[in-house]
Amino acid sequence: MSSAQQNFSTAQAGQNQELLDSTKQTASAAAEKAHAAANTTGQAQEKNQQEAAGFLQQTGEQVKSMAQGAADTVKHALGMDGSNNSNAAADSTASTGHTAAAGHTATAHAASDKK
């Protein structure tokens, strides 16, 4: 091998090593950026999940509160809330147009017919 060929081979090997080093650095930088992006995405996803869980819990509590209010209203209207509310039957009559004692009257008539 001549001196010129040897110099050319040495120069080419040096360029190949520089290219290889540059490629490694680029790949390493890309991997670091991908890792950082994945961490950011994971953190954003975790935050979104926490917000969604909080929203669902708040909505559930609101529905529970509304259902309890409706149950209390029905109990009050039927006089089952333990408040000795004499207006419960009147409130029921006003809202339905039927007297609360109508069922009792029919039962009393049926009992008197049997005698």
PDB file of N, CA and C in Angstrom:
ATOM      1  N   MET A   1       0.843  -1.153   0.000  1.00  0.00           N
ATOM      2  CA  MET A   1       0.000   0.000   0.000  1.00  0.00           C
ATOM      3  C   MET A   1       0.904   1.236   0.000  1.00  0.00           C
ATOM      4  N   SER A   2       0.567   2.176  -0.865  1.00  0.00           N
ATOM      5  CA  SER A   2       1.384   3.385  -0.960  1.00  0.00           C
ATOM      6  C   SER A   2       1.037   4.356   0.153  1.00  0.00           C
ATOM      7  N   SER A   3       1.863   5.313   0.306  1.00  0.00           N
ATOM      8  CA  SER A   3       1.684   6.312   1.367  1.00  0.00           C
ATOM      9  C   SER A   3       0.407   7.113   1.146  1.00  0.00           C
ATOM     10  N   ALA A   4       0.069   7.411  -0.100  1.00  0.00           N
ATOM     11  CA  ALA A   4      -1.135   8.181  -0.426  1.00  0.00           C
ATOM     12  C   ALA A   4      -2.384   7.369  -0.084  1.00  0.00           C
ATOM     13  N   GLN A   5      -2.330   6.085  -0.415  1.00  0.00           N
ATOM     14  CA  GLN A   5      -3.475   5.227  -0.096  1.00  0.00           C
ATOM     15  C   GLN A   5      -3.653   5.086   1.411  1.00  0.00           C
ATOM     16  N   GLN A   6      -2.511   5.001   2.102  1.00  0.00           N
ATOM     17  CA  GLN A   6      -2.564   4.857   3.557  1.00  0.00           C
ATOM     18  C   GLN A   6      -3.134   6.129   4.188  1.00  0.00           C
ATOM     19  N   ASN A   7      -2.718   7.284   3.685  1.00  0.00           N
ATOM     20  CA  ASN A   7      -3.235   8.568   4.188  1.00  0.00           C
ATOM     21  C   ASN A   7      -4.739   8.695   3.907  1.00  0.00           C
ATOM     22  N   PHE A   8      -5.123   8.248   2.711  1.00  0.00           N
ATOM     23  CA  PHE A   8      -6.540   8.306   2.341  1.00  0.00           C
ATOM     24  C   PHE A   8      -7.363   7.400   3.241  1.00  0.00           C
ATOM     25  N   SER A   9      -6.894   6.201   3.506  1.00  0.00           N
ATOM     26  CA  SER A   9      -7.598   5.246   4.372  1.00  0.00           C
ATOM     27  C   SER A   9      -7.691   5.777   5.796  1.00  0.00           C
ATOM     28  N   THR A  10      -6.630   6.388   6.270  1.00  0.00           N
ATOM     29  CA  THR A  10      -6.620   6.950   7.616  1.00  0.00           C
ATOM     30  C   THR A  10      -7.610   8.115   7.710  1.00  0.00           C
ATOM     31  N   ALA A  11      -7.637   8.976   6.699  1.00  0.00           N
ATOM     32  CA  ALA A  11      -8.566  10.115   6.672  1.00  0.00           C
ATOM     33  C   ALA A  11     -10.003   9.631   6.597  1.00  0.00           C
ATOM     34  N   GLN A  12     -10.225   8.610   5.783  1.00  0.00           N
ATOM     35  CA  GLN A  12     -11.581   8.066   5.635  1.00  0.00           C
ATOM     36  C   GLN A  12     -12.037   7.427   6.942  1.00  0.00           C
ATOM     37  N   ALA A  13     -11.178   6.745   7.632  1.00  0.00           N
ATOM     38  CA  ALA A  13     -11.511   6.123   8.915  1.00  0.00           C
ATOM     39  C   ALA A  13     -11.835   7.193   9.948  1.00  0.00           C
ATOM     40  N   GLY A  14     -11.068   8.288   9.929  1.00  0.00           N
ATOM     41  CA  GLY A  14     -11.338   9.406  10.851  1.00  0.00           C
ATOM     42  C   GLY A  14     -12.699  10.025  10.588  1.00  0.00           C
ATOM     43  N   GLN A  15     -13.042  10.196   9.311  1.00  0.00           N
ATOM     44  CA  GLN A  15     -14.350  10.758   8.950  1.00  0.00           C
ATOM     45  C   GLN A  15     -15.482   9.814   9.365  1.00  0.00           C
ATOM     46  N   ASN A  16     -15.251   8.536   9.171  1.00  0.00           N
ATOM     47  CA  ASN A  16     -16.260   7.554   9.564  1.00  0.00           C
ATOM     48  C   ASN A  16     -16.504   7.595  11.079  1.00  0.00           C
ATOM     49  N   GLN A  17     -15.412   7.748  11.845  1.00  0.00           N
ATOM     50  CA  GLN A  17     -15.543   7.803  13.301  1.00  0.00           C
ATOM     51  C   GLN A  17     -16.287   9.075  13.721  1.00  0.00           C
ATOM     52  N   GLU A  18     -15.973  10.205  13.057  1.00  0.00           N
ATOM     53  CA  GLU A  18     -16.678  11.456  13.361  1.00  0.00           C
ATOM     54  C   GLU A  18     -18.166  11.332  13.036  1.00  0.00           C
ATOM     55  N   LEU A  19     -18.466  10.724  11.912  1.00  0.00           N
ATOM     56  CA  LEU A  19     -19.856  10.518  11.514  1.00  0.00           C
ATOM     57  C   LEU A  19     -20.573   9.620  12.522  1.00  0.00           C
ATOM     58  N   LEU A  20     -19.880   8.567  12.945  1.00  0.00           N
ATOM     59  CA  LEU A  20     -20.453   7.652  13.928  1.00  0.00           C
ATOM     60  C   LEU A  20     -20.707   8.367  15.259  1.00  0.00           C
ATOM     61  N   ASP A  21     -19.749   9.159  15.706  1.00  0.00           N
ATOM     62  CA  ASP A  21     -19.917   9.908  16.953  1.00  0.00           C
ATOM     63  C   ASP A  21     -21.067  10.908  16.856  1.00  0.00           C
ATOM     64  N   SER A  22     -21.136  11.591  15.719  1.00  0.00           N
ATOM     65  CA  SER A  22     -22.210  12.558  15.507  1.00  0.00           C
ATOM     66  C   SER A  22     -23.579  11.876  15.520  1.00  0.00           C
ATOM     67  N   THR A  23     -23.654  10.721  14.885  1.00  0.00           N
ATOM     68  CA  THR A  23     -24.906   9.960  14.855  1.00  0.00           C
ATOM     69  C   THR A  23     -25.305   9.518  16.255  1.00  0.00           C
ATOM     70  N   LYS A  24     -24.328   9.073  17.048  1.00  0.00           N
ATOM     71  CA  LYS A  24     -24.612   8.661  18.427  1.00  0.00           C
ATOM     72  C   LYS A  24     -25.142   9.829  19.253  1.00  0.00           C
ATOM     73  N   GLN A  25     -24.521  11.002  19.079  1.00  0.00           N
ATOM     74  CA  GLN A  25     -24.969  12.182  19.823  1.00  0.00           C
ATOM     75  C   GLN A  25     -26.384  12.580  19.428  1.00  0.00           C
ATOM     76  N   THR A  26     -26.659  12.537  18.135  1.00  0.00           N
ATOM     77  CA  THR A  26     -28.001  12.880  17.652  1.00  0.00           C
ATOM     78  C   THR A  26     -29.036  11.904  18.188  1.00  0.00           C
ATOM     79  N   ALA A  27     -28.697  10.625  18.160  1.00  0.00           N
ATOM     80  CA  ALA A  27     -29.619   9.604  18.669  1.00  0.00           C
ATOM     81  C   ALA A  27     -29.836   9.770  20.170  1.00  0.00           C
ATOM     82  N   SER A  28     -28.780  10.082  20.896  1.00  0.00           N
ATOM     83  CA  SER A  28     -28.883  10.283  22.341  1.00  0.00           C
ATOM     84  C   SER A  28     -29.770  11.496  22.658  1.00  0.00           C
ATOM     85  N   ALA A  29     -29.571  12.582  21.910  1.00  0.00           N
ATOM     86  CA  ALA A  29     -30.387  13.783  22.114  1.00  0.00           C
ATOM     87  C   ALA A  29     -31.849  13.499  21.793  1.00  0.00           C
ATOM     88  N   ALA A  30     -32.103  12.759  20.733  1.00  0.00           N
ATOM     89  CA  ALA A  30     -33.479  12.410  20.368  1.00  0.00           C
ATOM     90  C   ALA A  30     -34.120  11.532  21.442  1.00  0.00           C
ATOM     91  N   ALA A  31     -33.352  10.612  21.987  1.00  0.00           N
ATOM     92  CA  ALA A  31     -33.873   9.745  23.045  1.00  0.00           C
ATOM     93  C   ALA A  31     -34.214  10.558  24.294  1.00  0.00           C
ATOM     94  N   GLU A  32     -33.358  11.513  24.632  1.00  0.00           N
ATOM     95  CA  GLU A  32     -33.629  12.372  25.798  1.00  0.00           C
ATOM     96  C   GLU A  32     -34.893  13.199  25.582  1.00  0.00           C
ATOM     97  N   LYS A  33     -35.059  13.745  24.392  1.00  0.00           N
ATOM     98  CA  LYS A  33     -36.257  14.530  24.085  1.00  0.00           C
ATOM     99  C   LYS A  33     -37.508  13.655  24.138  1.00  0.00           C
ATOM    100  N   ALA A  34     -37.423  12.446  23.619  1.00  0.00           N
ATOM    101  CA  ALA A  34     -38.559  11.528  23.654  1.00  0.00           C
ATOM    102  C   ALA A  34     -38.917  11.164  25.088  1.00  0.00           C
ATOM    103  N   HIS A  35     -37.895  10.946  25.908  1.00  0.00           N
ATOM    104  CA  HIS A  35     -38.114  10.622  27.320  1.00  0.00           C
ATOM    105  C   HIS A  35     -38.793  11.799  28.037  1.00  0.00           C
ATOM    106  N   ALA A  36     -38.312  13.007  27.776  1.00  0.00           N
ATOM    107  CA  ALA A  36     -38.904  14.201  28.390  1.00  0.00           C
ATOM    108  C   ALA A  36     -40.360  14.381  27.935  1.00  0.00           C
ATOM    109  N   ALA A  37     -40.610  14.148  26.652  1.00  0.00           N
ATOM    110  CA  ALA A  37     -41.983  14.272  26.133  1.00  0.00           C
ATOM    111  C   ALA A  37     -42.892  13.226  26.757  1.00  0.00           C
ATOM    112  N   ALA A  38     -42.384  12.022  26.944  1.00  0.00           N
ATOM    113  CA  ALA A  38     -43.190  10.965  27.560  1.00  0.00           C
ATOM    114  C   ALA A  38     -43.511  11.315  29.008  1.00  0.00           C
ATOM    115  N   ASN A  39     -42.541  11.872  29.733  1.00  0.00           N
ATOM    116  CA  ASN A  39     -42.793  12.287  31.113  1.00  0.00           C
ATOM    117  C   ASN A  39     -43.845  13.382  31.175  1.00  0.00           C
ATOM    118  N   THR A  40     -43.745  14.349  30.267  1.00  0.00           N
ATOM    119  CA  THR A  40     -44.715  15.443  30.229  1.00  0.00           C
ATOM    120  C   THR A  40     -46.106  14.907  29.911  1.00  0.00           C
ATOM    121  N   THR A  41     -46.184  14.001  28.951  1.00  0.00           N
ATOM    122  CA  THR A  41     -47.464  13.411  28.578  1.00  0.00           C
ATOM    123  C   THR A  41     -48.047  12.621  29.740  1.00  0.00           C
ATOM    124  N   GLY A  42     -47.214  11.859  30.422  1.00  0.00           N
ATOM    125  CA  GLY A  42     -47.679  11.074  31.566  1.00  0.00           C
ATOM    126  C   GLY A  42     -48.186  11.957  32.684  1.00  0.00           C
ATOM    127  N   GLN A  43     -47.493  13.067  32.926  1.00  0.00           N
ATOM    128  CA  GLN A  43     -47.923  13.992  33.974  1.00  0.00           C
ATOM    129  C   GLN A  43     -49.245  14.651  33.595  1.00  0.00           C
ATOM    130  N   ALA A  44     -49.393  15.026  32.334  1.00  0.00           N
ATOM    131  CA  ALA A  44     -50.638  15.644  31.885  1.00  0.00           C
ATOM    132  C   ALA A  44     -51.793  14.650  31.981  1.00  0.00           C
ATOM    133  N   GLN A  45     -51.535  13.403  31.625  1.00  0.00           N
ATOM    134  CA  GLN A  45     -52.579  12.387  31.700  1.00  0.00           C
ATOM    135  C   GLN A  45     -52.998  12.149  33.146  1.00  0.00           C
ATOM    136  N   GLU A  46     -52.029  12.100  34.053  1.00  0.00           N
ATOM    137  CA  GLU A  46     -52.340  11.898  35.467  1.00  0.00           C
ATOM    138  C   GLU A  46     -53.165  13.068  36.002  1.00  0.00           C
ATOM    139  N   LYS A  47     -52.813  14.280  35.611  1.00  0.00           N
ATOM    140  CA  LYS A  47     -53.561  15.466  36.038  1.00  0.00           C
ATOM    141  C   LYS A  47     -54.999  15.399  35.513  1.00  0.00           C
ATOM    142  N   ASN A  48     -55.169  15.014  34.246  1.00  0.00           N
ATOM    143  CA  ASN A  48     -56.506  14.904  33.658  1.00  0.00           C
ATOM    144  C   ASN A  48     -57.338  13.841  34.374  1.00  0.00           C
ATOM    145  N   GLN A  49     -56.706  12.721  34.735  1.00  0.00           N
ATOM    146  CA  GLN A  49     -57.426  11.669  35.450  1.00  0.00           C
ATOM    147  C   GLN A  49     -57.871  12.151  36.823  1.00  0.00           C
ATOM    148  N   GLN A  50     -57.009  12.904  37.507  1.00  0.00           N
ATOM    149  CA  GLN A  50     -57.364  13.423  38.819  1.00  0.00           C
ATOM    150  C   GLN A  50     -58.516  14.417  38.721  1.00  0.00           C
ATOM    151  N   GLU A  51     -58.476  15.267  37.694  1.00  0.00           N
ATOM    152  CA  GLU A  51     -59.560  16.240  37.497  1.00  0.00           C
ATOM    153  C   GLU A  51     -60.873  15.526  37.180  1.00  0.00           C
ATOM    154  N   ALA A  52     -60.806  14.500  36.349  1.00  0.00           N
ATOM    155  CA  ALA A  52     -62.014  13.751  35.994  1.00  0.00           C
ATOM    156  C   ALA A  52     -62.587  13.052  37.222  1.00  0.00           C
ATOM    157  N   ALA A  53     -61.722  12.477  38.044  1.00  0.00           N
ATOM    158  CA  ALA A  53     -62.185  11.801  39.256  1.00  0.00           C
ATOM    159  C   ALA A  53     -62.847  12.804  40.199  1.00  0.00           C
ATOM    160  N   GLY A  54     -62.264  13.980  40.333  1.00  0.00           N
ATOM    161  CA  GLY A  54     -62.851  15.022  41.180  1.00  0.00           C
ATOM    162  C   GLY A  54     -64.199  15.473  40.657  1.00  0.00           C
ATOM    163  N   PHE A  55     -64.307  15.624  39.349  1.00  0.00           N
ATOM    164  CA  PHE A  55     -65.573  16.034  38.740  1.00  0.00           C
ATOM    165  C   PHE A  55     -66.650  14.982  38.966  1.00  0.00           C
ATOM    166  N   LEU A  56     -66.296  13.717  38.762  1.00  0.00           N
ATOM    167  CA  LEU A  56     -67.272  12.641  38.955  1.00  0.00           C
ATOM    168  C   LEU A  56     -67.706  12.539  40.415  1.00  0.00           C
ATOM    169  N   GLN A  57     -66.780  12.719  41.336  1.00  0.00           N
ATOM    170  CA  GLN A  57     -67.132  12.661  42.758  1.00  0.00           C
ATOM    171  C   GLN A  57     -68.072  13.809  43.105  1.00  0.00           C
ATOM    172  N   GLN A  58     -67.778  15.004  42.610  1.00  0.00           N
ATOM    173  CA  GLN A  58     -68.631  16.162  42.891  1.00  0.00           C
ATOM    174  C   GLN A  58     -70.024  15.954  42.303  1.00  0.00           C
ATOM    175  N   THR A  59     -70.094  15.440  41.089  1.00  0.00           N
ATOM    176  CA  THR A  59     -71.384  15.192  40.452  1.00  0.00           C
ATOM    177  C   THR A  59     -72.168  14.141  41.227  1.00  0.00           C
ATOM    178  N   GLY A  60     -71.499  13.094  41.671  1.00  0.00           N
ATOM    179  CA  GLY A  60     -72.159  12.055  42.465  1.00  0.00           C
ATOM    180  C   GLY A  60     -72.724  12.607  43.758  1.00  0.00           C
ATOM    181  N   GLU A  61     -71.979  13.487  44.410  1.00  0.00           N
ATOM    182  CA  GLU A  61     -72.459  14.080  45.653  1.00  0.00           C
ATOM    183  C   GLU A  61     -73.671  14.963  45.399  1.00  0.00           C
ATOM    184  N   GLN A  62     -73.687  15.683  44.279  1.00  0.00           N
ATOM    185  CA  GLN A  62     -74.834  16.526  43.941  1.00  0.00           C
ATOM    186  C   GLN A  62     -76.077  15.668  43.681  1.00  0.00           C
ATOM    187  N   VAL A  63     -75.906  14.578  42.954  1.00  0.00           N
ATOM    188  CA  VAL A  63     -77.041  13.692  42.669  1.00  0.00           C
ATOM    189  C   VAL A  63     -77.562  13.078  43.966  1.00  0.00           C
ATOM    190  N   LYS A  64     -76.666  12.656  44.831  1.00  0.00           N
ATOM    191  CA  LYS A  64     -77.056  12.081  46.120  1.00  0.00           C
ATOM    192  C   LYS A  64     -77.840  13.093  46.938  1.00  0.00           C
ATOM    193  N   SER A  65     -77.375  14.339  46.965  1.00  0.00           N
ATOM    194  CA  SER A  65     -78.049  15.390  47.720  1.00  0.00           C
ATOM    195  C   SER A  65     -79.443  15.661  47.153  1.00  0.00           C
ATOM    196  N   MET A  66     -79.546  15.688  45.832  1.00  0.00           N
ATOM    197  CA  MET A  66     -80.855  15.925  45.209  1.00  0.00           C
ATOM    198  C   MET A  66     -81.807  14.769  45.497  1.00  0.00           C
ATOM    199  N   ALA A  67     -81.326  13.551  45.461  1.00  0.00           N
ATOM    200  CA  ALA A  67     -82.170  12.385  45.746  1.00  0.00           C
ATOM    201  C   ALA A  67     -82.632  12.401  47.199  1.00  0.00           C
ATOM    202  N   GLN A  68     -81.746  12.782  48.115  1.00  0.00           N
ATOM    203  CA  GLN A  68     -82.124  12.861  49.523  1.00  0.00           C
ATOM    204  C   GLN A  68     -83.186  13.936  49.721  1.00  0.00           C
ATOM    205  N   GLY A  69     -83.031  15.057  49.040  1.00  0.00           N
ATOM    206  CA  GLY A  69     -84.029  16.127  49.121  1.00  0.00           C
ATOM    207  C   GLY A  69     -85.378  15.669  48.598  1.00  0.00           C
ATOM    208  N   ALA A  70     -85.370  14.923  47.504  1.00  0.00           N
ATOM    209  CA  ALA A  70     -86.628  14.414  46.951  1.00  0.00           C
ATOM    210  C   ALA A  70     -87.268  13.415  47.909  1.00  0.00           C
ATOM    211  N   ALA A  71     -86.468  12.544  48.509  1.00  0.00           N
ATOM    212  CA  ALA A  71     -87.004  11.570  49.468  1.00  0.00           C
ATOM    213  C   ALA A  71     -87.598  12.280  50.672  1.00  0.00           C
ATOM    214  N   ASP A  72     -86.918  13.314  51.159  1.00  0.00           N
ATOM    215  CA  ASP A  72     -87.443  14.072  52.302  1.00  0.00           C
ATOM    216  C   ASP A  72     -88.748  14.758  51.948  1.00  0.00           C
ATOM    217  N   THR A  73     -88.855  15.284  50.743  1.00  0.00           N
ATOM    218  CA  THR A  73     -90.081  15.951  50.296  1.00  0.00           C
ATOM    219  C   THR A  73     -91.242  14.963  50.242  1.00  0.00           C
ATOM    220  N   VAL A  74     -90.987  13.767  49.715  1.00  0.00           N
ATOM    221  CA  VAL A  74     -92.041  12.747  49.638  1.00  0.00           C
ATOM    222  C   VAL A  74     -92.466  12.316  51.041  1.00  0.00           C
ATOM    223  N   LYS A  75     -91.502  12.100  51.922  1.00  0.00           N
ATOM    224  CA  LYS A  75     -91.831  11.714  53.295  1.00  0.00           C
ATOM    225  C   LYS A  75     -92.670  12.793  53.972  1.00  0.00           C
ATOM    226  N   HIS A  76     -92.293  14.052  53.759  1.00  0.00           N
ATOM    227  CA  HIS A  76     -93.042  15.148  54.360  1.00  0.00           C
ATOM    228  C   HIS A  76     -94.459  15.198  53.797  1.00  0.00           C
ATOM    229  N   ALA A  77     -94.591  15.031  52.495  1.00  0.00           N
ATOM    230  CA  ALA A  77     -95.906  15.092  51.856  1.00  0.00           C
ATOM    231  C   ALA A  77     -96.806  13.960  52.345  1.00  0.00           C
ATOM    232  N   LEU A  78     -96.228  12.818  52.667  1.00  0.00           N
ATOM    233  CA  LEU A  78     -97.014  11.683  53.140  1.00  0.00           C
ATOM    234  C   LEU A  78     -97.149  11.658  54.659  1.00  0.00           C
ATOM    235  N   GLY A  79     -96.525  12.614  55.326  1.00  0.00           N
ATOM    236  CA  GLY A  79     -96.598  12.672  56.772  1.00  0.00           C
ATOM    237  C   GLY A  79     -95.741  11.620  57.440  1.00  0.00           C
ATOM    238  N   MET A  80     -94.727  11.152  56.764  1.00  0.00           N
ATOM    239  CA  MET A  80     -93.874  10.090  57.302  1.00  0.00           C
ATOM    240  C   MET A  80     -92.542  10.616  57.821  1.00  0.00           C
ATOM    241  N   ASP A  81     -92.430  11.938  57.938  1.00  0.00           N
ATOM    242  CA  ASP A  81     -91.161  12.496  58.371  1.00  0.00           C
ATOM    243  C   ASP A  81     -91.095  12.688  59.881  1.00  0.00           C
ATOM    244  N   GLY A  82     -92.128  12.291  60.608  1.00  0.00           N
ATOM    245  CA  GLY A  82     -92.118  12.354  62.063  1.00  0.00           C
ATOM    246  C   GLY A  82     -92.330  13.746  62.610  1.00  0.00           C
ATOM    247  N   SER A  83     -92.802  14.673  61.805  1.00  0.00           N
ATOM    248  CA  SER A  83     -92.960  16.047  62.268  1.00  0.00           C
ATOM    249  C   SER A  83     -94.378  16.353  62.734  1.00  0.00           C
ATOM    250  N   ASN A  84     -95.261  15.364  62.769  1.00  0.00           N
ATOM    251  CA  ASN A  84     -96.663  15.591  63.167  1.00  0.00           C
ATOM    252  C   ASN A  84     -97.259  16.757  62.389  1.00  0.00           C
ATOM    253  N   ASN A  85     -96.999  16.788  61.146  1.00  0.00           N
ATOM    254  CA  ASN A  85     -97.448  17.875  60.285  1.00  0.00           C
ATOM    255  C   ASN A  85     -98.899  17.627  59.895  1.00  0.00           C
ATOM    256  N   SER A  86     -99.805  18.415  60.463  1.00  0.00           N
ATOM    257  CA  SER A  86    -101.225  18.252  60.148  1.00  0.00           C
ATOM    258  C   SER A  86    -101.536  18.768  58.759  1.00  0.00           C
ATOM    259  N   ASN A  87    -100.643  19.542  58.211  1.00  0.00           N
ATOM    260  CA  ASN A  87    -100.865  20.075  56.872  1.00  0.00           C
ATOM    261  C   ASN A  87    -100.390  19.115  55.784  1.00  0.00           C
ATOM    262  N   ALA A  88     -99.779  17.985  56.165  1.00  0.00           N
ATOM    263  CA  ALA A  88     -99.260  17.050  55.163  1.00  0.00           C
ATOM    264  C   ALA A  88    -100.373  16.549  54.269  1.00  0.00           C
ATOM    265  N   ALA A  89    -101.517  16.185  54.859  1.00  0.00           N
ATOM    266  CA  ALA A  89    -102.650  15.716  54.051  1.00  0.00           C
ATOM    267  C   ALA A  89    -103.193  16.843  53.201  1.00  0.00           C
ATOM    268  N   ALA A  90    -103.270  18.045  53.760  1.00  0.00           N
ATOM    269  CA  ALA A  90    -103.754  19.191  53.000  1.00  0.00           C
ATOM    270  C   ALA A  90    -102.794  19.524  51.868  1.00  0.00           C
ATOM    271  N   ASP A  91    -101.491  19.437  52.139  1.00  0.00           N
ATOM    272  CA  ASP A  91    -100.501  19.679  51.092  1.00  0.00           C
ATOM    273  C   ASP A  91    -100.668  18.660  49.975  1.00  0.00           C
ATOM    274  N   SER A  92    -100.913  17.407  50.333  1.00  0.00           N
ATOM    275  CA  SER A  92    -101.097  16.351  49.357  1.00  0.00           C
ATOM    276  C   SER A  92    -102.359  16.595  48.544  1.00  0.00           C
ATOM    277  N   THR A  93    -103.435  17.023  49.202  1.00  0.00           N
ATOM    278  CA  THR A  93    -104.691  17.301  48.521  1.00  0.00           C
ATOM    279  C   THR A  93    -104.518  18.432  47.534  1.00  0.00           C
ATOM    280  N   ALA A  94    -103.805  19.450  47.950  1.00  0.00           N
ATOM    281  CA  ALA A  94    -103.613  20.606  47.077  1.00  0.00           C
ATOM    282  C   ALA A  94    -102.826  20.226  45.832  1.00  0.00           C
ATOM    283  N   SER A  95    -101.889  19.347  45.972  1.00  0.00           N
ATOM    284  CA  SER A  95    -101.057  19.011  44.820  1.00  0.00           C
ATOM    285  C   SER A  95    -101.674  17.941  43.937  1.00  0.00           C
ATOM    286  N   THR A  96    -102.523  17.045  44.487  1.00  0.00           N
ATOM    287  CA  THR A  96    -103.070  15.950  43.688  1.00  0.00           C
ATOM    288  C   THR A  96    -104.553  16.114  43.369  1.00  0.00           C
ATOM    289  N   GLY A  97    -105.250  16.880  44.178  1.00  0.00           N
ATOM    290  CA  GLY A  97    -106.683  17.028  43.974  1.00  0.00           C
ATOM    291  C   GLY A  97    -107.477  15.936  44.656  1.00  0.00           C
ATOM    292  N   HIS A  98    -106.847  15.011  45.351  1.00  0.00           N
ATOM    293  CA  HIS A  98    -107.507  13.924  46.056  1.00  0.00           C
ATOM    294  C   HIS A  98    -107.289  14.119  47.544  1.00  0.00           C
ATOM    295  N   THR A  99    -108.259  13.722  48.308  1.00  0.00           N
ATOM    296  CA  THR A  99    -108.077  13.828  49.751  1.00  0.00           C
ATOM    297  C   THR A  99    -107.290  12.625  50.230  1.00  0.00           C
ATOM    298  N   ALA A 100    -106.487  12.846  51.249  1.00  0.00           N
ATOM    299  CA  ALA A 100    -105.670  11.773  51.782  1.00  0.00           C
ATOM    300  C   ALA A 100    -106.524  10.730  52.469  1.00  0.00           C
ATOM    301  N   ALA A 101    -107.698  11.121  52.977  1.00  0.00           N
ATOM    302  CA  ALA A 101    -108.554  10.199  53.718  1.00  0.00           C
ATOM    303  C   ALA A 101    -109.502   9.429  52.813  1.00  0.00           C
ATOM    304  N   ALA A 102    -109.493   9.664  51.530  1.00  0.00           N
ATOM    305  CA  ALA A 102    -110.432   9.012  50.617  1.00  0.00           C
ATOM    306  C   ALA A 102    -110.308   7.497  50.694  1.00  0.00           C
ATOM    307  N   GLY A 103    -109.140   6.995  50.777  1.00  0.00           N
ATOM    308  CA  GLY A 103    -108.938   5.553  50.877  1.00  0.00           C
ATOM    309  C   GLY A 103    -109.499   5.024  52.179  1.00  0.00           C
ATOM    310  N   HIS A 104    -109.357   5.772  53.251  1.00  0.00           N
ATOM    311  CA  HIS A 104    -109.888   5.354  54.550  1.00  0.00           C
ATOM    312  C   HIS A 104    -111.411   5.369  54.551  1.00  0.00           C
ATOM    313  N   THR A 105    -112.004   6.328  53.857  1.00  0.00           N
ATOM    314  CA  THR A 105    -113.456   6.414  53.797  1.00  0.00           C
ATOM    315  C   THR A 105    -114.019   5.211  53.055  1.00  0.00           C
ATOM    316  N   ALA A 106    -113.415   4.846  51.982  1.00  0.00           N
ATOM    317  CA  ALA A 106    -113.883   3.700  51.219  1.00  0.00           C
ATOM    318  C   ALA A 106    -113.766   2.438  52.071  1.00  0.00           C
ATOM    319  N   THR A 107    -112.731   2.324  52.856  1.00  0.00           N
ATOM    320  CA  THR A 107    -112.558   1.163  53.715  1.00  0.00           C
ATOM    321  C   THR A 107    -113.630   1.149  54.797  1.00  0.00           C
ATOM    322  N   ALA A 108    -113.964   2.302  55.326  1.00  0.00           N
ATOM    323  CA  ALA A 108    -114.981   2.387  56.364  1.00  0.00           C
ATOM    324  C   ALA A 108    -116.343   2.004  55.791  1.00  0.00           C
ATOM    325  N   HIS A 109    -116.660   2.412  54.591  1.00  0.00           N
ATOM    326  CA  HIS A 109    -117.931   2.062  53.960  1.00  0.00           C
ATOM    327  C   HIS A 109    -118.007   0.563  53.718  1.00  0.00           C
ATOM    328  N   ALA A 110    -116.911  -0.024  53.281  1.00  0.00           N
ATOM    329  CA  ALA A 110    -116.895  -1.463  53.014  1.00  0.00           C
ATOM    330  C   ALA A 110    -117.094  -2.232  54.323  1.00  0.00           C
ATOM    331  N   ALA A 111    -116.544  -1.753  55.398  1.00  0.00           N
ATOM    332  CA  ALA A 111    -116.691  -2.417  56.697  1.00  0.00           C
ATOM    333  C   ALA A 111    -118.130  -2.293  57.189  1.00  0.00           C
ATOM    334  N   SER A 112    -118.773  -1.138  56.955  1.00  0.00           N
ATOM    335  CA  SER A 112    -120.152  -0.971  57.431  1.00  0.00           C
ATOM    336  C   SER A 112    -121.118  -1.776  56.587  1.00  0.00           C
ATOM    337  N   ASP A 113    -120.792  -2.038  55.332  1.00  0.00           N
ATOM    338  CA  ASP A 113    -121.646  -2.840  54.476  1.00  0.00           C
ATOM    339  C   ASP A 113    -121.667  -4.286  54.908  1.00  0.00           C
ATOM    340  N   LYS A 114    -120.623  -4.786  55.535  1.00  0.00           N
ATOM    341  CA  LYS A 114    -120.538  -6.159  55.967  1.00  0.00           C
ATOM    342  C   LYS A 114    -121.413  -6.427  57.181  1.00  0.00           C
ATOM    343  N   LYS A 115    -121.779  -5.412  57.949  1.00  0.00           N
ATOM    344  CA  LYS A 115    -122.570  -5.571  59.167  1.00  0.00           C
ATOM    345  C   LYS A 115    -123.951  -5.853  58.850  1.00  0.00           C
TER     346      LYS A 115
END
